[in-house]
Amino acid sequence: EISNWSYINMQDAVSPLMEQLMFFHDHVLVILIMITIVVAYMMVMLMLNKIINRLLLEGQLIEFIWTLLPAMTLIFIALPSLRLLYMLDEINNPLLTLKIIGHQWYWSYEYSDFSDVEFDSYMKSMNEMNKNEFRLLDVDNRVILPFNIQVRLLVSSFDVIHSWAMPSMSLKVDAVPGRLNQMSMLISRPGVSYGQCSEICGANHSFMPIVIESIS
């Protein structure tokens, strides 16, 4: 999955978690549009309305309403947000573990569940690329993962702070030297997904692409 030119929406979801985040985004956007319409209507009416009440000292009803409505709005935003927060952190019986180590300026991966398979993943140069590959995004060794399988990611760094990010799967994990960060991943369909390092890590920070190929 990759965005096209002038594409301002989110990338197509490749994981159930990304789908839930997109639903949450739409949910919050609807609430914000409703608030904007109500506030704009009230501002216009106040500017056009010449009726005033000089004897108004307090209005318990209106104070109750303008306290209750924002509180209810925040609750409608907070509840699905908390649900997503817990979904991001939970890892239910992963069937595969992928270890990811950031370097200046490439990624190394390790499958350690069944056999010790380790490899480095470098960005392809222009003269190495095939016709249908993407400049600055394709790598010499892709990460191959099965779809519909719960995968645990263990992310760290060898030198400086990096960030392993895959937008179409709603994944962004900091790779910190001396620290092991953990995250779960479930790919919902086969295909090729692209990501990049999302933490400024030096001169060649822009040349640390990530490619995941999901297979059946």
N, C-alpha and C. Protein backbone atom coordinates (compact mmCIF):
# COMPACT_ATOMS: atom_id res chain seq x y z
N GLU A 1 0.85 -1.18 0.00
CA GLU A 1 0.00 0.00 0.00
C GLU A 1 0.89 1.24 0.00
N ILE A 2 0.54 2.18 -0.88
CA ILE A 2 1.31 3.41 -0.98
C ILE A 2 0.37 4.52 -1.46
N SER A 3 0.60 5.73 -1.00
CA SER A 3 -0.25 6.85 -1.40
C SER A 3 0.14 7.35 -2.79
N ASN A 4 -0.87 7.78 -3.55
CA ASN A 4 -0.63 8.36 -4.86
C ASN A 4 -0.38 9.86 -4.73
N TRP A 5 0.03 10.48 -5.83
CA TRP A 5 0.24 11.92 -5.84
C TRP A 5 -1.07 12.63 -5.52
N SER A 6 -1.01 13.72 -4.78
CA SER A 6 -2.14 14.58 -4.39
C SER A 6 -3.21 13.83 -3.61
N TYR A 7 -2.87 12.69 -3.02
CA TYR A 7 -3.82 11.92 -2.22
C TYR A 7 -3.79 12.45 -0.79
N ILE A 8 -4.91 13.01 -0.31
CA ILE A 8 -4.92 13.67 1.00
C ILE A 8 -5.61 12.82 2.06
N ASN A 9 -6.13 11.67 1.68
CA ASN A 9 -6.79 10.81 2.66
C ASN A 9 -5.78 9.84 3.27
N MET A 10 -6.24 8.99 4.18
CA MET A 10 -5.37 7.97 4.76
C MET A 10 -5.12 6.85 3.75
N GLN A 11 -4.04 6.11 3.97
CA GLN A 11 -3.80 4.94 3.15
C GLN A 11 -4.85 3.87 3.42
N ASP A 12 -5.06 2.99 2.45
CA ASP A 12 -6.00 1.88 2.65
C ASP A 12 -5.52 1.01 3.80
N ALA A 13 -6.46 0.62 4.65
CA ALA A 13 -6.11 -0.16 5.84
C ALA A 13 -5.71 -1.58 5.45
N VAL A 14 -4.63 -2.06 6.06
CA VAL A 14 -4.15 -3.43 5.83
C VAL A 14 -4.28 -4.26 7.10
N SER A 15 -4.74 -3.64 8.19
CA SER A 15 -4.90 -4.36 9.45
C SER A 15 -6.22 -3.95 10.09
N PRO A 16 -6.81 -4.83 10.91
CA PRO A 16 -8.06 -4.47 11.60
C PRO A 16 -7.91 -3.25 12.50
N LEU A 17 -6.74 -3.08 13.10
CA LEU A 17 -6.52 -1.93 13.97
C LEU A 17 -6.55 -0.61 13.19
N MET A 18 -5.97 -0.62 12.00
CA MET A 18 -6.01 0.58 11.16
C MET A 18 -7.43 0.91 10.76
N GLU A 19 -8.25 -0.10 10.49
CA GLU A 19 -9.66 0.14 10.16
C GLU A 19 -10.37 0.80 11.33
N GLN A 20 -10.10 0.33 12.56
CA GLN A 20 -10.72 0.92 13.73
C GLN A 20 -10.27 2.37 13.94
N LEU A 21 -9.00 2.65 13.67
CA LEU A 21 -8.51 4.03 13.79
C LEU A 21 -9.16 4.95 12.76
N MET A 22 -9.41 4.43 11.56
CA MET A 22 -10.08 5.23 10.54
C MET A 22 -11.53 5.50 10.93
N PHE A 23 -12.20 4.50 11.51
CA PHE A 23 -13.57 4.71 12.00
C PHE A 23 -13.59 5.77 13.10
N PHE A 24 -12.59 5.70 14.00
CA PHE A 24 -12.51 6.68 15.08
C PHE A 24 -12.26 8.09 14.53
N HIS A 25 -11.41 8.18 13.53
CA HIS A 25 -11.15 9.47 12.89
C HIS A 25 -12.44 10.05 12.32
N ASP A 26 -13.22 9.22 11.62
CA ASP A 26 -14.48 9.70 11.05
C ASP A 26 -15.48 10.09 12.14
N HIS A 27 -15.49 9.30 13.22
CA HIS A 27 -16.38 9.58 14.36
C HIS A 27 -16.07 10.96 14.97
N VAL A 28 -14.80 11.23 15.21
CA VAL A 28 -14.41 12.53 15.78
C VAL A 28 -14.66 13.66 14.79
N LEU A 29 -14.43 13.38 13.51
CA LEU A 29 -14.64 14.42 12.49
C LEU A 29 -16.11 14.85 12.42
N VAL A 30 -17.03 13.89 12.54
CA VAL A 30 -18.46 14.21 12.54
C VAL A 30 -18.80 15.10 13.73
N ILE A 31 -18.26 14.76 14.91
CA ILE A 31 -18.51 15.58 16.11
C ILE A 31 -17.97 16.99 15.92
N LEU A 32 -16.77 17.12 15.36
CA LEU A 32 -16.17 18.45 15.15
C LEU A 32 -16.98 19.28 14.15
N ILE A 33 -17.48 18.63 13.10
CA ILE A 33 -18.30 19.35 12.12
C ILE A 33 -19.59 19.86 12.77
N MET A 34 -20.22 19.03 13.60
CA MET A 34 -21.44 19.45 14.30
C MET A 34 -21.15 20.63 15.23
N ILE A 35 -20.04 20.56 15.97
CA ILE A 35 -19.68 21.68 16.86
C ILE A 35 -19.44 22.95 16.06
N THR A 36 -18.73 22.83 14.94
CA THR A 36 -18.44 24.01 14.10
C THR A 36 -19.73 24.65 13.59
N ILE A 37 -20.67 23.82 13.14
CA ILE A 37 -21.94 24.35 12.62
C ILE A 37 -22.71 25.08 13.72
N VAL A 38 -22.79 24.47 14.91
CA VAL A 38 -23.54 25.08 16.02
C VAL A 38 -22.90 26.40 16.44
N VAL A 39 -21.57 26.41 16.59
CA VAL A 39 -20.87 27.63 17.02
C VAL A 39 -21.01 28.73 15.96
N ALA A 40 -20.86 28.37 14.68
CA ALA A 40 -21.01 29.36 13.62
C ALA A 40 -22.42 29.93 13.59
N TYR A 41 -23.42 29.07 13.76
CA TYR A 41 -24.82 29.54 13.78
C TYR A 41 -25.05 30.51 14.94
N MET A 42 -24.53 30.17 16.13
CA MET A 42 -24.72 31.04 17.29
C MET A 42 -24.02 32.38 17.10
N MET A 43 -22.82 32.38 16.51
CA MET A 43 -22.11 33.63 16.29
C MET A 43 -22.85 34.53 15.30
N VAL A 44 -23.36 33.94 14.23
CA VAL A 44 -24.11 34.73 13.24
C VAL A 44 -25.38 35.29 13.85
N MET A 45 -26.10 34.46 14.62
CA MET A 45 -27.34 34.92 15.23
C MET A 45 -27.08 36.03 16.26
N LEU A 46 -25.98 35.93 17.00
CA LEU A 46 -25.66 36.98 17.98
C LEU A 46 -25.31 38.30 17.30
N MET A 47 -24.66 38.21 16.13
CA MET A 47 -24.32 39.44 15.41
C MET A 47 -25.53 40.08 14.77
N LEU A 48 -26.49 39.26 14.32
CA LEU A 48 -27.67 39.79 13.64
C LEU A 48 -28.79 40.14 14.59
N ASN A 49 -28.78 39.56 15.79
CA ASN A 49 -29.87 39.77 16.75
C ASN A 49 -29.58 41.01 17.60
N LYS A 50 -30.52 41.94 17.65
CA LYS A 50 -30.33 43.18 18.40
C LYS A 50 -31.06 43.15 19.74
N ILE A 51 -31.63 42.01 20.12
CA ILE A 51 -32.35 41.91 21.39
C ILE A 51 -31.34 41.69 22.52
N ILE A 52 -31.45 42.46 23.58
CA ILE A 52 -30.58 42.30 24.74
C ILE A 52 -31.43 42.23 26.00
N ASN A 53 -30.83 41.70 27.04
CA ASN A 53 -31.52 41.62 28.34
C ASN A 53 -30.59 42.22 29.40
N ARG A 54 -30.82 43.47 29.76
CA ARG A 54 -29.95 44.15 30.71
C ARG A 54 -30.16 43.68 32.14
N LEU A 55 -31.28 43.02 32.41
CA LEU A 55 -31.60 42.60 33.78
C LEU A 55 -31.13 41.18 34.08
N LEU A 56 -30.49 40.50 33.10
CA LEU A 56 -30.05 39.12 33.32
C LEU A 56 -28.81 39.10 34.20
N LEU A 57 -28.93 38.54 35.39
CA LEU A 57 -27.81 38.43 36.33
C LEU A 57 -27.22 37.02 36.33
N GLU A 58 -28.08 36.03 36.25
CA GLU A 58 -27.62 34.64 36.20
C GLU A 58 -28.67 33.81 35.46
N GLY A 59 -28.19 32.73 34.88
CA GLY A 59 -29.11 31.81 34.21
C GLY A 59 -28.66 30.39 34.48
N GLN A 60 -29.23 29.79 35.51
CA GLN A 60 -28.78 28.46 35.92
C GLN A 60 -29.02 27.41 34.84
N LEU A 61 -30.12 27.54 34.12
CA LEU A 61 -30.42 26.56 33.08
C LEU A 61 -29.39 26.60 31.96
N ILE A 62 -29.09 27.81 31.47
CA ILE A 62 -28.14 27.90 30.37
C ILE A 62 -26.73 27.53 30.83
N GLU A 63 -26.38 27.84 32.08
CA GLU A 63 -25.07 27.43 32.60
C GLU A 63 -24.99 25.91 32.71
N PHE A 64 -26.10 25.29 33.10
CA PHE A 64 -26.14 23.82 33.17
C PHE A 64 -25.98 23.21 31.78
N ILE A 65 -26.64 23.82 30.80
CA ILE A 65 -26.58 23.28 29.43
C ILE A 65 -25.17 23.42 28.86
N TRP A 66 -24.55 24.62 29.03
CA TRP A 66 -23.23 24.77 28.42
C TRP A 66 -22.11 24.08 29.22
N THR A 67 -22.44 23.53 30.36
CA THR A 67 -21.50 22.65 31.07
C THR A 67 -21.72 21.20 30.69
N LEU A 68 -23.00 20.81 30.54
CA LEU A 68 -23.33 19.42 30.26
C LEU A 68 -22.95 19.01 28.84
N LEU A 69 -23.25 19.85 27.86
CA LEU A 69 -23.00 19.48 26.47
C LEU A 69 -21.51 19.25 26.16
N PRO A 70 -20.58 20.13 26.58
CA PRO A 70 -19.16 19.81 26.35
C PRO A 70 -18.70 18.55 27.07
N ALA A 71 -19.23 18.31 28.28
CA ALA A 71 -18.85 17.10 29.01
C ALA A 71 -19.31 15.85 28.26
N MET A 72 -20.54 15.87 27.74
CA MET A 72 -21.04 14.73 26.97
C MET A 72 -20.24 14.54 25.68
N THR A 73 -19.86 15.64 25.05
CA THR A 73 -19.06 15.56 23.83
C THR A 73 -17.71 14.90 24.10
N LEU A 74 -17.06 15.29 25.19
CA LEU A 74 -15.77 14.69 25.54
C LEU A 74 -15.91 13.22 25.87
N ILE A 75 -17.02 12.83 26.50
CA ILE A 75 -17.25 11.41 26.80
C ILE A 75 -17.40 10.61 25.51
N PHE A 76 -18.15 11.16 24.54
CA PHE A 76 -18.33 10.46 23.26
C PHE A 76 -17.01 10.31 22.50
N ILE A 77 -16.06 11.19 22.75
CA ILE A 77 -14.74 11.06 22.12
C ILE A 77 -13.83 10.15 22.94
N ALA A 78 -13.90 10.25 24.26
CA ALA A 78 -12.95 9.53 25.13
C ALA A 78 -13.20 8.03 25.16
N LEU A 79 -14.46 7.60 25.16
CA LEU A 79 -14.74 6.16 25.29
C LEU A 79 -14.17 5.34 24.13
N PRO A 80 -14.46 5.67 22.87
CA PRO A 80 -13.81 4.90 21.79
C PRO A 80 -12.30 5.08 21.74
N SER A 81 -11.81 6.25 22.20
CA SER A 81 -10.37 6.48 22.23
C SER A 81 -9.68 5.54 23.22
N LEU A 82 -10.27 5.38 24.40
CA LEU A 82 -9.70 4.46 25.40
C LEU A 82 -9.75 3.02 24.91
N ARG A 83 -10.84 2.67 24.24
CA ARG A 83 -10.94 1.31 23.69
C ARG A 83 -9.82 1.03 22.70
N LEU A 84 -9.55 2.00 21.82
CA LEU A 84 -8.47 1.84 20.85
C LEU A 84 -7.11 1.78 21.54
N LEU A 85 -6.94 2.56 22.59
CA LEU A 85 -5.68 2.58 23.32
C LEU A 85 -5.35 1.20 23.89
N TYR A 86 -6.35 0.53 24.45
CA TYR A 86 -6.13 -0.81 24.98
C TYR A 86 -5.93 -1.83 23.86
N MET A 87 -6.61 -1.65 22.74
CA MET A 87 -6.42 -2.55 21.61
C MET A 87 -5.00 -2.45 21.05
N LEU A 88 -4.42 -1.25 21.09
CA LEU A 88 -3.06 -1.07 20.60
C LEU A 88 -2.04 -1.83 21.43
N ASP A 89 -2.28 -1.96 22.72
CA ASP A 89 -1.29 -2.53 23.63
C ASP A 89 -1.43 -4.03 23.84
N GLU A 90 -2.61 -4.58 23.57
CA GLU A 90 -2.80 -6.00 23.90
C GLU A 90 -2.18 -6.91 22.85
N ILE A 91 -1.58 -8.00 23.32
CA ILE A 91 -0.98 -9.00 22.44
C ILE A 91 -1.54 -10.35 22.86
N ASN A 92 -2.34 -10.95 21.99
CA ASN A 92 -3.01 -12.20 22.31
C ASN A 92 -2.35 -13.38 21.60
N ASN A 93 -1.57 -14.15 22.33
CA ASN A 93 -0.98 -15.40 21.84
C ASN A 93 -0.35 -15.25 20.45
N PRO A 94 0.73 -14.49 20.32
CA PRO A 94 1.35 -14.34 19.00
C PRO A 94 1.93 -15.67 18.50
N LEU A 95 1.73 -15.95 17.22
CA LEU A 95 2.24 -17.17 16.61
C LEU A 95 3.60 -16.96 15.97
N LEU A 96 4.03 -15.73 15.88
CA LEU A 96 5.31 -15.43 15.24
C LEU A 96 5.90 -14.18 15.88
N THR A 97 7.22 -14.18 16.06
CA THR A 97 7.92 -13.02 16.61
C THR A 97 8.93 -12.50 15.59
N LEU A 98 8.87 -11.21 15.33
CA LEU A 98 9.82 -10.57 14.42
C LEU A 98 10.64 -9.55 15.20
N LYS A 99 11.95 -9.75 15.22
CA LYS A 99 12.84 -8.80 15.89
C LYS A 99 13.35 -7.79 14.87
N ILE A 100 13.30 -6.51 15.25
CA ILE A 100 13.67 -5.42 14.35
C ILE A 100 14.72 -4.56 15.04
N ILE A 101 15.84 -4.33 14.37
CA ILE A 101 16.92 -3.51 14.93
C ILE A 101 17.26 -2.41 13.93
N GLY A 102 17.23 -1.17 14.41
CA GLY A 102 17.57 -0.03 13.56
C GLY A 102 19.05 0.28 13.58
N HIS A 103 19.59 0.60 12.42
CA HIS A 103 21.01 0.99 12.28
C HIS A 103 21.06 2.28 11.46
N GLN A 104 22.20 2.94 11.52
CA GLN A 104 22.44 4.06 10.60
C GLN A 104 23.07 3.49 9.33
N TRP A 105 22.35 3.38 8.20
CA TRP A 105 20.95 3.75 8.00
C TRP A 105 20.29 2.61 7.25
N TYR A 106 19.94 1.57 7.97
CA TYR A 106 19.26 0.39 7.42
C TYR A 106 18.60 -0.34 8.58
N TRP A 107 17.79 -1.33 8.23
CA TRP A 107 17.11 -2.15 9.24
C TRP A 107 17.62 -3.58 9.16
N SER A 108 17.71 -4.23 10.29
CA SER A 108 18.00 -5.66 10.31
C SER A 108 16.86 -6.39 11.01
N TYR A 109 16.56 -7.58 10.51
CA TYR A 109 15.41 -8.35 10.99
C TYR A 109 15.85 -9.75 11.38
N GLU A 110 15.09 -10.33 12.29
CA GLU A 110 15.40 -11.69 12.75
C GLU A 110 14.11 -12.45 13.04
N TYR A 111 13.97 -13.61 12.39
CA TYR A 111 12.91 -14.56 12.74
C TYR A 111 13.54 -15.60 13.65
N SER A 112 13.10 -15.69 14.87
CA SER A 112 13.78 -16.59 15.81
C SER A 112 12.88 -17.68 16.37
N ASP A 113 11.65 -17.82 15.85
CA ASP A 113 10.73 -18.83 16.39
C ASP A 113 11.09 -20.24 15.95
N PHE A 114 11.39 -20.40 14.67
CA PHE A 114 11.60 -21.73 14.13
C PHE A 114 13.06 -22.00 13.79
N SER A 115 13.72 -21.03 13.21
CA SER A 115 15.15 -21.15 12.92
C SER A 115 15.73 -19.74 12.93
N ASP A 116 17.00 -19.66 13.19
CA ASP A 116 17.64 -18.34 13.26
C ASP A 116 17.85 -17.79 11.85
N VAL A 117 16.92 -16.96 11.43
CA VAL A 117 17.00 -16.32 10.11
C VAL A 117 17.21 -14.83 10.34
N GLU A 118 18.35 -14.32 9.95
CA GLU A 118 18.68 -12.90 10.11
C GLU A 118 19.07 -12.32 8.76
N PHE A 119 18.68 -11.08 8.52
CA PHE A 119 19.09 -10.40 7.29
C PHE A 119 19.01 -8.90 7.48
N ASP A 120 19.76 -8.19 6.67
CA ASP A 120 19.73 -6.73 6.66
C ASP A 120 18.89 -6.26 5.48
N SER A 121 18.25 -5.11 5.64
CA SER A 121 17.37 -4.57 4.60
C SER A 121 17.82 -3.15 4.26
N TYR A 122 18.42 -3.00 3.08
CA TYR A 122 18.92 -1.70 2.61
C TYR A 122 18.02 -1.15 1.50
N MET A 123 17.96 0.15 1.40
CA MET A 123 17.24 0.77 0.29
C MET A 123 17.94 0.47 -1.03
N LYS A 124 17.15 0.18 -2.06
CA LYS A 124 17.72 -0.09 -3.38
C LYS A 124 18.14 1.22 -4.04
N SER A 125 19.30 1.19 -4.67
CA SER A 125 19.74 2.35 -5.44
C SER A 125 19.03 2.36 -6.80
N MET A 126 19.10 3.48 -7.49
CA MET A 126 18.38 3.64 -8.76
C MET A 126 18.79 2.60 -9.80
N ASN A 127 20.08 2.28 -9.86
CA ASN A 127 20.54 1.34 -10.89
C ASN A 127 20.23 -0.11 -10.55
N GLU A 128 19.73 -0.38 -9.34
CA GLU A 128 19.35 -1.75 -8.96
C GLU A 128 17.86 -2.01 -9.09
N MET A 129 17.08 -0.97 -9.32
CA MET A 129 15.63 -1.10 -9.28
C MET A 129 15.07 -1.69 -10.56
N ASN A 130 13.98 -2.46 -10.40
CA ASN A 130 13.24 -2.97 -11.54
C ASN A 130 12.21 -1.94 -12.00
N LYS A 131 11.50 -2.27 -13.06
CA LYS A 131 10.60 -1.31 -13.68
C LYS A 131 9.45 -0.90 -12.77
N ASN A 132 8.88 -1.84 -12.01
CA ASN A 132 7.68 -1.56 -11.22
C ASN A 132 7.98 -1.25 -9.76
N GLU A 133 9.21 -0.93 -9.43
CA GLU A 133 9.55 -0.63 -8.04
C GLU A 133 9.57 0.88 -7.81
N PHE A 134 9.47 1.25 -6.52
CA PHE A 134 9.33 2.66 -6.16
C PHE A 134 10.66 3.24 -5.68
N ARG A 135 10.99 4.39 -6.21
CA ARG A 135 12.23 5.08 -5.82
C ARG A 135 12.16 5.51 -4.36
N LEU A 136 13.24 5.27 -3.62
CA LEU A 136 13.39 5.61 -2.19
C LEU A 136 12.49 4.78 -1.27
N LEU A 137 11.76 3.81 -1.81
CA LEU A 137 10.87 3.02 -0.96
C LEU A 137 11.15 1.52 -1.02
N ASP A 138 11.74 1.03 -2.10
CA ASP A 138 11.98 -0.41 -2.20
C ASP A 138 13.33 -0.79 -1.61
N VAL A 139 13.40 -2.04 -1.14
CA VAL A 139 14.59 -2.54 -0.44
C VAL A 139 15.08 -3.81 -1.12
N ASP A 140 16.31 -4.18 -0.77
CA ASP A 140 16.86 -5.40 -1.37
C ASP A 140 16.30 -6.66 -0.73
N ASN A 141 15.95 -6.61 0.56
CA ASN A 141 15.37 -7.77 1.25
C ASN A 141 14.08 -7.35 1.96
N ARG A 142 12.96 -7.87 1.47
CA ARG A 142 11.68 -7.54 2.09
C ARG A 142 11.41 -8.42 3.30
N VAL A 143 10.58 -7.92 4.21
CA VAL A 143 10.09 -8.74 5.32
C VAL A 143 8.89 -9.53 4.80
N ILE A 144 8.96 -10.85 4.90
CA ILE A 144 7.88 -11.73 4.43
C ILE A 144 7.11 -12.23 5.65
N LEU A 145 5.81 -11.94 5.70
CA LEU A 145 4.97 -12.35 6.83
C LEU A 145 3.66 -12.92 6.31
N PRO A 146 3.12 -13.93 7.00
CA PRO A 146 1.79 -14.45 6.62
C PRO A 146 0.69 -13.51 7.10
N PHE A 147 -0.41 -13.45 6.34
CA PHE A 147 -1.52 -12.62 6.79
C PHE A 147 -2.49 -13.46 7.63
N ASN A 148 -3.32 -12.77 8.40
CA ASN A 148 -4.25 -13.39 9.36
C ASN A 148 -3.52 -14.17 10.45
N ILE A 149 -2.32 -13.75 10.78
CA ILE A 149 -1.53 -14.37 11.85
C ILE A 149 -1.10 -13.26 12.81
N GLN A 150 -1.28 -13.52 14.11
CA GLN A 150 -0.86 -12.54 15.11
C GLN A 150 0.66 -12.54 15.22
N VAL A 151 1.28 -11.40 14.97
CA VAL A 151 2.73 -11.27 14.97
C VAL A 151 3.14 -10.30 16.07
N ARG A 152 4.16 -10.68 16.82
CA ARG A 152 4.72 -9.80 17.85
C ARG A 152 5.98 -9.14 17.30
N LEU A 153 6.07 -7.83 17.44
CA LEU A 153 7.24 -7.07 17.01
C LEU A 153 8.07 -6.67 18.21
N LEU A 154 9.35 -6.97 18.18
CA LEU A 154 10.30 -6.54 19.21
C LEU A 154 11.28 -5.58 18.54
N VAL A 155 11.27 -4.33 18.95
CA VAL A 155 12.00 -3.28 18.23
C VAL A 155 13.05 -2.65 19.14
N SER A 156 14.27 -2.53 18.61
CA SER A 156 15.35 -1.87 19.34
C SER A 156 16.27 -1.20 18.33
N SER A 157 17.35 -0.60 18.83
CA SER A 157 18.28 0.10 17.95
C SER A 157 19.72 -0.25 18.34
N PHE A 158 20.59 -0.20 17.35
CA PHE A 158 22.01 -0.50 17.57
C PHE A 158 22.81 0.75 17.91
N ASP A 159 22.35 1.92 17.44
CA ASP A 159 23.17 3.13 17.59
C ASP A 159 22.39 4.32 18.14
N VAL A 160 21.52 4.94 17.31
CA VAL A 160 20.76 6.11 17.75
C VAL A 160 19.27 5.76 17.73
N ILE A 161 18.44 6.72 18.13
CA ILE A 161 17.00 6.48 18.16
C ILE A 161 16.44 6.50 16.74
N HIS A 162 15.72 5.44 16.39
CA HIS A 162 14.99 5.35 15.13
C HIS A 162 13.51 5.17 15.46
N SER A 163 12.70 5.09 14.42
CA SER A 163 11.28 4.81 14.62
C SER A 163 10.77 3.99 13.44
N TRP A 164 10.33 2.77 13.74
CA TRP A 164 9.85 1.84 12.71
C TRP A 164 8.36 2.11 12.48
N ALA A 165 8.01 2.64 11.30
CA ALA A 165 6.63 3.08 11.06
C ALA A 165 6.07 2.45 9.80
N MET A 166 4.82 1.98 9.90
CA MET A 166 4.09 1.40 8.78
C MET A 166 2.68 2.00 8.79
N PRO A 167 2.44 3.10 8.04
CA PRO A 167 1.17 3.82 8.15
C PRO A 167 -0.06 3.00 7.83
N SER A 168 0.00 2.13 6.82
CA SER A 168 -1.19 1.37 6.44
C SER A 168 -1.60 0.34 7.48
N MET A 169 -0.73 0.08 8.46
CA MET A 169 -1.06 -0.85 9.55
C MET A 169 -1.18 -0.13 10.89
N SER A 170 -1.13 1.19 10.86
CA SER A 170 -1.20 2.03 12.06
C SER A 170 -0.12 1.66 13.07
N LEU A 171 1.10 1.41 12.58
CA LEU A 171 2.21 1.02 13.45
C LEU A 171 3.28 2.10 13.45
N LYS A 172 3.75 2.43 14.63
CA LYS A 172 4.89 3.35 14.77
C LYS A 172 5.54 3.03 16.12
N VAL A 173 6.70 2.41 16.08
CA VAL A 173 7.38 1.96 17.29
C VAL A 173 8.76 2.60 17.35
N ASP A 174 9.08 3.22 18.46
CA ASP A 174 10.41 3.81 18.64
C ASP A 174 11.44 2.71 18.83
N ALA A 175 12.56 2.85 18.14
CA ALA A 175 13.70 1.95 18.30
C ALA A 175 14.76 2.70 19.10
N VAL A 176 14.90 2.33 20.37
CA VAL A 176 15.77 3.05 21.31
C VAL A 176 16.92 2.14 21.72
N PRO A 177 18.17 2.61 21.66
CA PRO A 177 19.30 1.77 22.09
C PRO A 177 19.16 1.34 23.55
N GLY A 178 19.39 0.05 23.80
CA GLY A 178 19.31 -0.47 25.16
C GLY A 178 17.92 -0.73 25.67
N ARG A 179 16.92 -0.54 24.82
CA ARG A 179 15.53 -0.74 25.25
C ARG A 179 14.80 -1.58 24.21
N LEU A 180 13.92 -2.47 24.67
CA LEU A 180 13.15 -3.34 23.79
C LEU A 180 11.69 -2.93 23.84
N ASN A 181 11.16 -2.42 22.74
CA ASN A 181 9.75 -2.05 22.65
C ASN A 181 8.97 -3.14 21.93
N GLN A 182 7.75 -3.34 22.36
CA GLN A 182 6.94 -4.45 21.86
C GLN A 182 5.62 -3.94 21.30
N MET A 183 5.19 -4.56 20.20
CA MET A 183 3.91 -4.21 19.61
C MET A 183 3.38 -5.41 18.83
N SER A 184 2.06 -5.47 18.66
CA SER A 184 1.46 -6.58 17.91
C SER A 184 1.03 -6.10 16.53
N MET A 185 0.92 -7.07 15.63
CA MET A 185 0.53 -6.75 14.26
C MET A 185 -0.27 -7.91 13.69
N LEU A 186 -1.35 -7.59 13.00
CA LEU A 186 -2.17 -8.59 12.31
C LEU A 186 -2.50 -8.04 10.93
N ILE A 187 -1.96 -8.66 9.90
CA ILE A 187 -2.20 -8.22 8.53
C ILE A 187 -3.45 -8.92 8.02
N SER A 188 -4.38 -8.16 7.46
CA SER A 188 -5.68 -8.73 7.10
C SER A 188 -5.77 -9.21 5.65
N ARG A 189 -4.80 -8.88 4.80
CA ARG A 189 -4.87 -9.33 3.41
C ARG A 189 -3.48 -9.35 2.80
N PRO A 190 -3.28 -10.16 1.77
CA PRO A 190 -1.96 -10.22 1.14
C PRO A 190 -1.67 -8.96 0.34
N GLY A 191 -0.38 -8.68 0.17
CA GLY A 191 0.03 -7.50 -0.58
C GLY A 191 1.37 -6.99 -0.10
N VAL A 192 1.76 -5.84 -0.60
CA VAL A 192 3.04 -5.21 -0.24
C VAL A 192 2.75 -3.85 0.40
N SER A 193 3.32 -3.63 1.58
CA SER A 193 3.11 -2.37 2.31
C SER A 193 4.46 -1.68 2.50
N TYR A 194 4.42 -0.35 2.46
CA TYR A 194 5.64 0.45 2.54
C TYR A 194 5.60 1.38 3.75
N GLY A 195 6.76 1.54 4.37
CA GLY A 195 6.90 2.46 5.49
C GLY A 195 8.30 3.06 5.48
N GLN A 196 8.58 3.92 6.45
CA GLN A 196 9.89 4.57 6.54
C GLN A 196 10.23 4.84 7.99
N CYS A 197 11.50 5.13 8.23
CA CYS A 197 11.92 5.57 9.55
C CYS A 197 11.28 6.93 9.84
N SER A 198 10.70 7.07 11.03
CA SER A 198 9.96 8.29 11.37
C SER A 198 10.60 9.06 12.52
N GLU A 199 11.88 8.89 12.71
CA GLU A 199 12.61 9.65 13.73
C GLU A 199 13.91 10.13 13.09
N ILE A 200 14.17 11.43 13.13
CA ILE A 200 15.37 11.96 12.50
C ILE A 200 16.60 11.35 13.16
N CYS A 201 17.36 10.57 12.39
CA CYS A 201 18.44 9.77 12.96
C CYS A 201 19.79 10.04 12.32
N GLY A 202 19.89 11.11 11.54
CA GLY A 202 21.18 11.41 10.94
C GLY A 202 21.03 11.82 9.48
N ALA A 203 22.17 11.87 8.79
CA ALA A 203 22.22 12.41 7.43
C ALA A 203 21.35 11.62 6.46
N ASN A 204 21.32 10.30 6.60
CA ASN A 204 20.57 9.46 5.66
C ASN A 204 19.26 8.94 6.25
N HIS A 205 18.68 9.73 7.14
CA HIS A 205 17.40 9.34 7.75
C HIS A 205 16.32 9.07 6.71
N SER A 206 16.32 9.83 5.62
CA SER A 206 15.28 9.70 4.59
C SER A 206 15.44 8.44 3.75
N PHE A 207 16.50 7.70 3.95
CA PHE A 207 16.79 6.55 3.09
C PHE A 207 16.77 5.25 3.89
N MET A 208 15.78 5.12 4.77
CA MET A 208 15.61 3.89 5.56
C MET A 208 14.20 3.34 5.36
N PRO A 209 13.87 2.89 4.13
CA PRO A 209 12.52 2.40 3.89
C PRO A 209 12.26 1.05 4.54
N ILE A 210 10.97 0.74 4.67
CA ILE A 210 10.52 -0.54 5.24
C ILE A 210 9.53 -1.14 4.26
N VAL A 211 9.70 -2.39 3.91
CA VAL A 211 8.77 -3.07 3.00
C VAL A 211 8.36 -4.40 3.63
N ILE A 212 7.04 -4.59 3.75
CA ILE A 212 6.49 -5.85 4.25
C ILE A 212 5.66 -6.48 3.15
N GLU A 213 5.95 -7.72 2.83
CA GLU A 213 5.16 -8.47 1.86
C GLU A 213 4.39 -9.55 2.61
N SER A 214 3.07 -9.45 2.58
CA SER A 214 2.23 -10.44 3.28
C SER A 214 1.76 -11.48 2.28
N ILE A 215 1.88 -12.73 2.68
CA ILE A 215 1.55 -13.85 1.79
C ILE A 215 0.61 -14.80 2.51
N SER A 216 0.01 -15.71 1.75
CA SER A 216 -0.91 -16.68 2.34
C SER A 216 -0.14 -17.88 2.86
